[in-house]
Amino acid sequence: MQAEGSDVRRLTRAPAKEDHGTRSPDGKRIAYQHEHQGNTDVYAMNGDK
């Protein structure tokens, strides 16, 4: 995603609700909340995908 909000694309394939994404201070990782069947977990992935 560009700074002004264009070029948005999905980074995951899970059918569950995933939101509250945030980048690490160095910009290398993205953490996000994953909600599935009443359970909520936090995941992190590389930010260069």
PDB file of N, CA and C in Angstrom:
ATOM      1  N   MET A   1       0.832  -1.170   0.000  1.00  0.00           N
ATOM      2  CA  MET A   1       0.000   0.000   0.000  1.00  0.00           C
ATOM      3  C   MET A   1       0.878   1.235   0.000  1.00  0.00           C
ATOM      4  N   GLN A   2       0.513   2.169  -0.816  1.00  0.00           N
ATOM      5  CA  GLN A   2       1.231   3.436  -0.886  1.00  0.00           C
ATOM      6  C   GLN A   2       0.830   4.326   0.295  1.00  0.00           C
ATOM      7  N   ALA A   3       1.659   5.299   0.608  1.00  0.00           N
ATOM      8  CA  ALA A   3       1.422   6.180   1.756  1.00  0.00           C
ATOM      9  C   ALA A   3       0.068   6.878   1.691  1.00  0.00           C
ATOM     10  N   GLU A   4      -0.415   7.195   0.488  1.00  0.00           N
ATOM     11  CA  GLU A   4      -1.696   7.899   0.367  1.00  0.00           C
ATOM     12  C   GLU A   4      -2.881   6.934   0.353  1.00  0.00           C
ATOM     13  N   GLY A   5      -2.623   5.611   0.463  1.00  0.00           N
ATOM     14  CA  GLY A   5      -3.705   4.632   0.568  1.00  0.00           C
ATOM     15  C   GLY A   5      -4.032   3.885  -0.708  1.00  0.00           C
ATOM     16  N   SER A   6      -3.327   4.153  -1.794  1.00  0.00           N
ATOM     17  CA  SER A   6      -3.588   3.423  -3.033  1.00  0.00           C
ATOM     18  C   SER A   6      -2.796   2.113  -3.067  1.00  0.00           C
ATOM     19  N   ASP A   7      -3.053   1.277  -4.046  1.00  0.00           N
ATOM     20  CA  ASP A   7      -2.348   0.009  -4.262  1.00  0.00           C
ATOM     21  C   ASP A   7      -2.523  -0.963  -3.093  1.00  0.00           C
ATOM     22  N   VAL A   8      -3.763  -1.059  -2.577  1.00  0.00           N
ATOM     23  CA  VAL A   8      -4.068  -1.959  -1.466  1.00  0.00           C
ATOM     24  C   VAL A   8      -4.191  -3.379  -1.999  1.00  0.00           C
ATOM     25  N   ARG A   9      -3.609  -4.360  -1.302  1.00  0.00           N
ATOM     26  CA  ARG A   9      -3.755  -5.766  -1.689  1.00  0.00           C
ATOM     27  C   ARG A   9      -3.755  -6.649  -0.460  1.00  0.00           C
ATOM     28  N   ARG A  10      -4.432  -7.760  -0.559  1.00  0.00           N
ATOM     29  CA  ARG A  10      -4.530  -8.711   0.550  1.00  0.00           C
ATOM     30  C   ARG A  10      -3.213  -9.485   0.658  1.00  0.00           C
ATOM     31  N   LEU A  11      -2.730  -9.669   1.889  1.00  0.00           N
ATOM     32  CA  LEU A  11      -1.457 -10.358   2.116  1.00  0.00           C
ATOM     33  C   LEU A  11      -1.634 -11.769   2.658  1.00  0.00           C
ATOM     34  N   THR A  12      -2.835 -12.115   3.083  1.00  0.00           N
ATOM     35  CA  THR A  12      -3.087 -13.438   3.651  1.00  0.00           C
ATOM     36  C   THR A  12      -4.204 -14.122   2.873  1.00  0.00           C
ATOM     37  N   ARG A  13      -4.383 -15.433   3.106  1.00  0.00           N
ATOM     38  CA  ARG A  13      -5.417 -16.188   2.391  1.00  0.00           C
ATOM     39  C   ARG A  13      -6.459 -16.795   3.316  1.00  0.00           C
ATOM     40  N   ALA A  14      -6.356 -16.549   4.593  1.00  0.00           N
ATOM     41  CA  ALA A  14      -7.267 -17.155   5.564  1.00  0.00           C
ATOM     42  C   ALA A  14      -8.685 -16.611   5.404  1.00  0.00           C
ATOM     43  N   PRO A  15      -9.695 -17.465   5.549  1.00  0.00           N
ATOM     44  CA  PRO A  15     -11.080 -17.000   5.459  1.00  0.00           C
ATOM     45  C   PRO A  15     -11.552 -16.284   6.730  1.00  0.00           C
ATOM     46  N   ALA A  16     -10.730 -16.257   7.751  1.00  0.00           N
ATOM     47  CA  ALA A  16     -11.084 -15.654   9.036  1.00  0.00           C
ATOM     48  C   ALA A  16     -10.961 -14.133   8.980  1.00  0.00           C
ATOM     49  N   LYS A  17     -11.457 -13.483  10.023  1.00  0.00           N
ATOM     50  CA  LYS A  17     -11.337 -12.026  10.151  1.00  0.00           C
ATOM     51  C   LYS A  17      -9.907 -11.700  10.551  1.00  0.00           C
ATOM     52  N   GLU A  18      -9.257 -10.846   9.787  1.00  0.00           N
ATOM     53  CA  GLU A  18      -7.897 -10.405  10.089  1.00  0.00           C
ATOM     54  C   GLU A  18      -7.862  -8.888   9.980  1.00  0.00           C
ATOM     55  N   ASP A  19      -7.426  -8.243  11.057  1.00  0.00           N
ATOM     56  CA  ASP A  19      -7.405  -6.787  11.050  1.00  0.00           C
ATOM     57  C   ASP A  19      -6.387  -6.258  12.052  1.00  0.00           C
ATOM     58  N   HIS A  20      -6.423  -4.974  12.281  1.00  0.00           N
ATOM     59  CA  HIS A  20      -5.527  -4.264  13.202  1.00  0.00           C
ATOM     60  C   HIS A  20      -4.060  -4.456  12.833  1.00  0.00           C
ATOM     61  N   GLY A  21      -3.753  -4.434  11.553  1.00  0.00           N
ATOM     62  CA  GLY A  21      -2.376  -4.582  11.102  1.00  0.00           C
ATOM     63  C   GLY A  21      -1.540  -3.366  11.428  1.00  0.00           C
ATOM     64  N   THR A  22      -0.287  -3.608  11.775  1.00  0.00           N
ATOM     65  CA  THR A  22       0.647  -2.517  12.039  1.00  0.00           C
ATOM     66  C   THR A  22       2.055  -2.964  11.671  1.00  0.00           C
ATOM     67  N   ARG A  23       2.861  -2.046  11.190  1.00  0.00           N
ATOM     68  CA  ARG A  23       4.245  -2.358  10.816  1.00  0.00           C
ATOM     69  C   ARG A  23       5.166  -2.215  12.018  1.00  0.00           C
ATOM     70  N   SER A  24       6.236  -2.998  11.998  1.00  0.00           N
ATOM     71  CA  SER A  24       7.258  -2.854  13.030  1.00  0.00           C
ATOM     72  C   SER A  24       7.976  -1.520  12.801  1.00  0.00           C
ATOM     73  N   PRO A  25       8.638  -0.990  13.826  1.00  0.00           N
ATOM     74  CA  PRO A  25       9.320   0.302  13.674  1.00  0.00           C
ATOM     75  C   PRO A  25      10.324   0.343  12.520  1.00  0.00           C
ATOM     76  N   ASP A  26      10.976  -0.795  12.228  1.00  0.00           N
ATOM     77  CA  ASP A  26      11.943  -0.812  11.123  1.00  0.00           C
ATOM     78  C   ASP A  26      11.288  -1.120   9.774  1.00  0.00           C
ATOM     79  N   GLY A  27       9.970  -1.394   9.763  1.00  0.00           N
ATOM     80  CA  GLY A  27       9.234  -1.638   8.532  1.00  0.00           C
ATOM     81  C   GLY A  27       9.402  -3.023   7.942  1.00  0.00           C
ATOM     82  N   LYS A  28      10.117  -3.909   8.633  1.00  0.00           N
ATOM     83  CA  LYS A  28      10.404  -5.235   8.086  1.00  0.00           C
ATOM     84  C   LYS A  28       9.330  -6.275   8.379  1.00  0.00           C
ATOM     85  N   ARG A  29       8.486  -6.048   9.390  1.00  0.00           N
ATOM     86  CA  ARG A  29       7.470  -7.020   9.775  1.00  0.00           C
ATOM     87  C   ARG A  29       6.111  -6.341   9.895  1.00  0.00           C
ATOM     88  N   ILE A  30       5.054  -7.128   9.719  1.00  0.00           N
ATOM     89  CA  ILE A  30       3.683  -6.668   9.918  1.00  0.00           C
ATOM     90  C   ILE A  30       3.035  -7.594  10.934  1.00  0.00           C
ATOM     91  N   ALA A  31       2.456  -7.025  11.980  1.00  0.00           N
ATOM     92  CA  ALA A  31       1.707  -7.808  12.969  1.00  0.00           C
ATOM     93  C   ALA A  31       0.230  -7.529  12.738  1.00  0.00           C
ATOM     94  N   TYR A  32      -0.610  -8.554  12.925  1.00  0.00           N
ATOM     95  CA  TYR A  32      -2.042  -8.387  12.724  1.00  0.00           C
ATOM     96  C   TYR A  32      -2.812  -9.353  13.618  1.00  0.00           C
ATOM     97  N   GLN A  33      -4.062  -9.029  13.842  1.00  0.00           N
ATOM     98  CA  GLN A  33      -4.962  -9.837  14.678  1.00  0.00           C
ATOM     99  C   GLN A  33      -5.745 -10.785  13.779  1.00  0.00           C
ATOM    100  N   HIS A  34      -5.828 -12.049  14.187  1.00  0.00           N
ATOM    101  CA  HIS A  34      -6.529 -13.096  13.434  1.00  0.00           C
ATOM    102  C   HIS A  34      -7.599 -13.685  14.342  1.00  0.00           C
ATOM    103  N   GLU A  35      -8.847 -13.603  13.897  1.00  0.00           N
ATOM    104  CA  GLU A  35      -9.983 -14.094  14.684  1.00  0.00           C
ATOM    105  C   GLU A  35     -10.632 -15.265  13.956  1.00  0.00           C
ATOM    106  N   HIS A  36     -10.709 -16.434  14.620  1.00  0.00           N
ATOM    107  CA  HIS A  36     -11.299 -17.621  13.991  1.00  0.00           C
ATOM    108  C   HIS A  36     -11.981 -18.473  15.050  1.00  0.00           C
ATOM    109  N   GLN A  37     -13.236 -18.789  14.848  1.00  0.00           N
ATOM    110  CA  GLN A  37     -14.031 -19.629  15.748  1.00  0.00           C
ATOM    111  C   GLN A  37     -13.963 -19.162  17.202  1.00  0.00           C
ATOM    112  N   GLY A  38     -14.035 -17.845  17.401  1.00  0.00           N
ATOM    113  CA  GLY A  38     -14.049 -17.286  18.745  1.00  0.00           C
ATOM    114  C   GLY A  38     -12.686 -17.107  19.387  1.00  0.00           C
ATOM    115  N   ASN A  39     -11.629 -17.533  18.733  1.00  0.00           N
ATOM    116  CA  ASN A  39     -10.270 -17.365  19.254  1.00  0.00           C
ATOM    117  C   ASN A  39      -9.578 -16.221  18.523  1.00  0.00           C
ATOM    118  N   THR A  40      -8.857 -15.406  19.268  1.00  0.00           N
ATOM    119  CA  THR A  40      -8.113 -14.298  18.685  1.00  0.00           C
ATOM    120  C   THR A  40      -6.629 -14.506  18.947  1.00  0.00           C
ATOM    121  N   ASP A  41      -5.827 -14.425  17.900  1.00  0.00           N
ATOM    122  CA  ASP A  41      -4.376 -14.572  17.997  1.00  0.00           C
ATOM    123  C   ASP A  41      -3.715 -13.413  17.275  1.00  0.00           C
ATOM    124  N   VAL A  42      -2.453 -13.177  17.585  1.00  0.00           N
ATOM    125  CA  VAL A  42      -1.666 -12.175  16.891  1.00  0.00           C
ATOM    126  C   VAL A  42      -0.587 -12.891  16.091  1.00  0.00           C
ATOM    127  N   TYR A  43      -0.472 -12.552  14.830  1.00  0.00           N
ATOM    128  CA  TYR A  43       0.530 -13.140  13.937  1.00  0.00           C
ATOM    129  C   TYR A  43       1.430 -12.055  13.419  1.00  0.00           C
ATOM    130  N   ALA A  44       2.616 -12.430  12.958  1.00  0.00           N
ATOM    131  CA  ALA A  44       3.541 -11.503  12.330  1.00  0.00           C
ATOM    132  C   ALA A  44       4.052 -12.139  11.034  1.00  0.00           C
ATOM    133  N   MET A  45       4.307 -11.298  10.054  1.00  0.00           N
ATOM    134  CA  MET A  45       4.821 -11.777   8.775  1.00  0.00           C
ATOM    135  C   MET A  45       5.823 -10.762   8.232  1.00  0.00           C
ATOM    136  N   ASN A  46       6.613 -11.179   7.262  1.00  0.00           N
ATOM    137  CA  ASN A  46       7.536 -10.258   6.621  1.00  0.00           C
ATOM    138  C   ASN A  46       6.751  -9.164   5.923  1.00  0.00           C
ATOM    139  N   GLY A  47       7.248  -7.944   5.978  1.00  0.00           N
ATOM    140  CA  GLY A  47       6.549  -6.808   5.396  1.00  0.00           C
ATOM    141  C   GLY A  47       6.874  -6.557   3.949  1.00  0.00           C
ATOM    142  N   ASP A  48       7.693  -7.391   3.332  1.00  0.00           N
ATOM    143  CA  ASP A  48       8.101  -7.169   1.947  1.00  0.00           C
ATOM    144  C   ASP A  48       7.293  -7.973   0.942  1.00  0.00           C
ATOM    145  N   LYS A  49       6.188  -8.581   1.337  1.00  0.00           N
ATOM    146  CA  LYS A  49       5.366  -9.397   0.426  1.00  0.00           C
ATOM    147  C   LYS A  49       4.332  -8.552  -0.269  1.00  0.00           C
TER     148      LYS A  49
END
